């Protein structure tokens, strides 16, 4: 939602200026953040370079979480709970992204071809029955 501009980013821009970068640089930084959110999000959803995509999102999400959701700086205020929940939400997402970045074979939405370099669906149809083909496909997703 942030990446598509559905939610207003005026408050986020104001907070970003308060955390240090010059005001002239903030629109550029926000454009980069929105681009990463949209492009890497679609890339991850469609399984296009999932490990590289996960690392790119992590490179954005880690400093963004520490900057925007520093709940320890607002302890005792009304926004503490909201910031703490957002901090934990982003931390959970980072854990999932680390798992994706560390796992070799990732399932994808788009089917892989037999010529792909990944350890995915390298099935040769030499008289295999449909059942045997399904077993081979399901075994391709087991973690080693």
Protein backbone atom coordinates (compact mmCIF):
# COMPACT_ATOMS: atom_id res chain seq x y z
CA UNK A 1 0.00 0.00 0.00
CA UNK A 2 2.84 2.38 0.79
CA UNK A 3 4.67 1.44 -2.39
CA UNK A 4 1.64 2.07 -4.58
CA UNK A 5 0.92 5.45 -2.98
CA UNK A 6 -2.51 4.47 -1.63
CA UNK A 7 -1.55 5.65 1.85
CA UNK A 8 -0.32 9.23 2.17
CA UNK A 9 3.40 9.43 2.85
CA UNK A 10 3.40 13.00 4.23
CA UNK A 11 3.78 11.85 7.85
CA UNK A 12 6.51 9.38 6.89
CA UNK A 13 8.40 12.10 5.00
CA UNK A 14 8.16 14.41 8.02
CA UNK A 15 9.49 11.67 10.33
CA UNK A 16 12.31 10.93 7.91
CA UNK A 17 13.39 14.59 7.91
CA UNK A 18 13.37 14.53 11.72
CA UNK A 19 15.74 11.54 11.73
CA UNK A 20 18.53 13.28 9.89
CA UNK A 21 18.59 13.30 6.08
CA UNK A 22 18.32 16.70 4.40
CA UNK A 23 14.81 17.68 3.30
CA UNK A 24 15.95 17.91 -0.34
CA UNK A 25 17.01 14.24 -0.28
CA UNK A 26 13.81 12.87 1.31
CA UNK A 27 11.67 12.66 -1.89
CA UNK A 28 14.45 10.72 -3.63
CA UNK A 29 14.83 8.33 -0.67
CA UNK A 30 11.09 7.77 -0.57
CA UNK A 31 11.01 7.08 -4.32
CA UNK A 32 13.74 4.48 -3.89
CA UNK A 33 11.85 2.89 -0.98
CA UNK A 34 8.59 2.75 -2.95
CA UNK A 35 10.40 1.25 -5.95
CA UNK A 36 11.99 -1.45 -3.81
CA UNK A 37 8.65 -2.25 -2.19
CA UNK A 38 6.81 -2.64 -5.51
CA UNK A 39 9.46 -4.21 -7.76
CA UNK A 40 10.95 -6.54 -5.17
CA UNK A 41 7.51 -7.43 -3.84
CA UNK A 42 6.28 -8.54 -7.27
CA UNK A 43 9.57 -10.27 -7.95
CA UNK A 44 9.31 -12.22 -4.70
CA UNK A 45 5.67 -13.10 -5.34
CA UNK A 46 6.42 -14.43 -8.82
CA UNK A 47 9.62 -16.20 -7.78
CA UNK A 48 11.95 -14.14 -9.94
CA UNK A 49 15.37 -14.33 -8.28
CA UNK A 50 13.87 -14.93 -4.82
CA UNK A 51 17.16 -14.97 -2.93
CA UNK A 52 18.42 -11.73 -4.46
CA UNK A 53 15.00 -10.15 -3.97
CA UNK A 54 14.91 -11.17 -0.31
CA UNK A 55 18.34 -9.61 0.26
CA UNK A 56 17.23 -6.39 -1.47
CA UNK A 57 14.13 -6.12 0.71
CA UNK A 58 16.23 -6.87 3.80
CA UNK A 59 18.69 -4.12 2.84
CA UNK A 60 15.76 -1.70 2.81
CA UNK A 61 13.72 -3.09 5.71
CA UNK A 62 16.46 -3.33 8.35
CA UNK A 63 17.46 0.37 8.44
CA UNK A 64 13.86 1.45 7.83
CA UNK A 65 12.72 -0.53 10.87
CA UNK A 66 15.44 0.87 13.11
CA UNK A 67 14.72 4.40 11.94
CA UNK A 68 10.94 4.51 11.70
CA UNK A 69 9.88 2.12 14.47
CA UNK A 70 12.32 2.85 17.29
CA UNK A 71 9.92 2.01 20.10
CA UNK A 72 12.67 2.40 22.71
CA UNK A 73 12.84 6.11 21.91
CA UNK A 74 9.14 6.68 22.59
CA UNK A 75 8.79 4.58 25.75
CA UNK A 76 6.08 5.94 28.00
CA UNK A 77 4.23 7.81 25.25
CA UNK A 78 0.97 7.04 23.50
CA UNK A 79 2.72 5.85 20.33
CA UNK A 80 4.86 3.26 22.15
CA UNK A 81 2.51 0.31 21.55
CA UNK A 82 2.01 1.13 17.88
CA UNK A 83 5.75 1.48 17.29
CA UNK A 84 6.51 -1.71 19.21
CA UNK A 85 3.96 -3.71 17.19
CA UNK A 86 5.33 -2.35 13.91
CA UNK A 87 8.87 -3.11 15.05
CA UNK A 88 7.94 -6.73 15.82
CA UNK A 89 5.99 -7.02 12.53
CA UNK A 90 9.03 -5.90 10.56
CA UNK A 91 11.30 -8.17 12.60
CA UNK A 92 9.07 -11.14 11.73
CA UNK A 93 9.18 -10.19 8.05
CA UNK A 94 12.97 -10.00 8.24
CA UNK A 95 13.04 -13.52 9.67
CA UNK A 96 11.00 -14.81 6.74
CA UNK A 97 13.19 -12.96 4.27
CA UNK A 98 16.32 -14.44 5.87
CA UNK A 99 14.81 -17.90 5.42
CA UNK A 100 14.11 -17.20 1.75
CA UNK A 101 17.61 -15.79 1.24
CA UNK A 102 19.23 -18.83 2.87
CA UNK A 103 17.19 -21.55 1.14
CA UNK A 104 18.57 -22.83 -2.14
CA UNK A 105 15.51 -24.20 -3.93
CA UNK A 106 12.45 -21.98 -3.78
CA UNK A 107 9.00 -22.83 -5.10
CA UNK A 108 7.86 -20.41 -7.76
CA UNK A 109 4.54 -19.31 -9.14
CA UNK A 110 5.77 -19.66 -12.71
CA UNK A 111 6.92 -23.17 -13.72
CA UNK A 112 10.60 -23.78 -14.28
CA UNK A 113 11.84 -25.32 -17.47
CA UNK A 114 14.03 -28.39 -17.75
CA UNK A 115 16.86 -26.11 -18.90
CA UNK A 116 16.83 -23.99 -15.74
CA UNK A 117 19.98 -23.94 -13.65
CA UNK A 118 18.08 -24.20 -10.37
CA UNK A 119 17.41 -27.43 -8.54
CA UNK A 120 13.75 -27.40 -9.43
CA UNK A 121 11.73 -29.31 -11.95
CA UNK A 122 14.25 -31.18 -14.04
CA UNK A 123 11.89 -33.91 -15.15
CA UNK A 124 12.56 -35.91 -18.28
CA UNK A 125 9.42 -37.55 -19.61
CA UNK A 126 10.69 -40.96 -20.67
CA UNK A 127 7.58 -43.03 -20.23
CA UNK A 128 6.92 -41.94 -16.64
CA UNK A 129 3.38 -42.31 -15.47
CA UNK A 130 1.53 -39.28 -14.18
CA UNK A 131 1.85 -40.57 -10.62
CA UNK A 132 5.62 -40.90 -10.95
CA UNK A 133 5.88 -37.38 -12.38
CA UNK A 134 3.88 -35.98 -9.43
CA UNK A 135 6.18 -37.78 -6.98
CA UNK A 136 9.24 -36.33 -8.71
CA UNK A 137 7.78 -32.83 -8.58
CA UNK A 138 6.87 -33.11 -4.90
CA UNK A 139 10.35 -34.42 -4.05
CA UNK A 140 11.92 -31.38 -5.72
CA UNK A 141 10.63 -29.18 -2.88
CA UNK A 142 12.02 -31.18 0.02
CA UNK A 143 14.66 -29.39 2.07
CA UNK A 144 18.03 -31.15 2.03
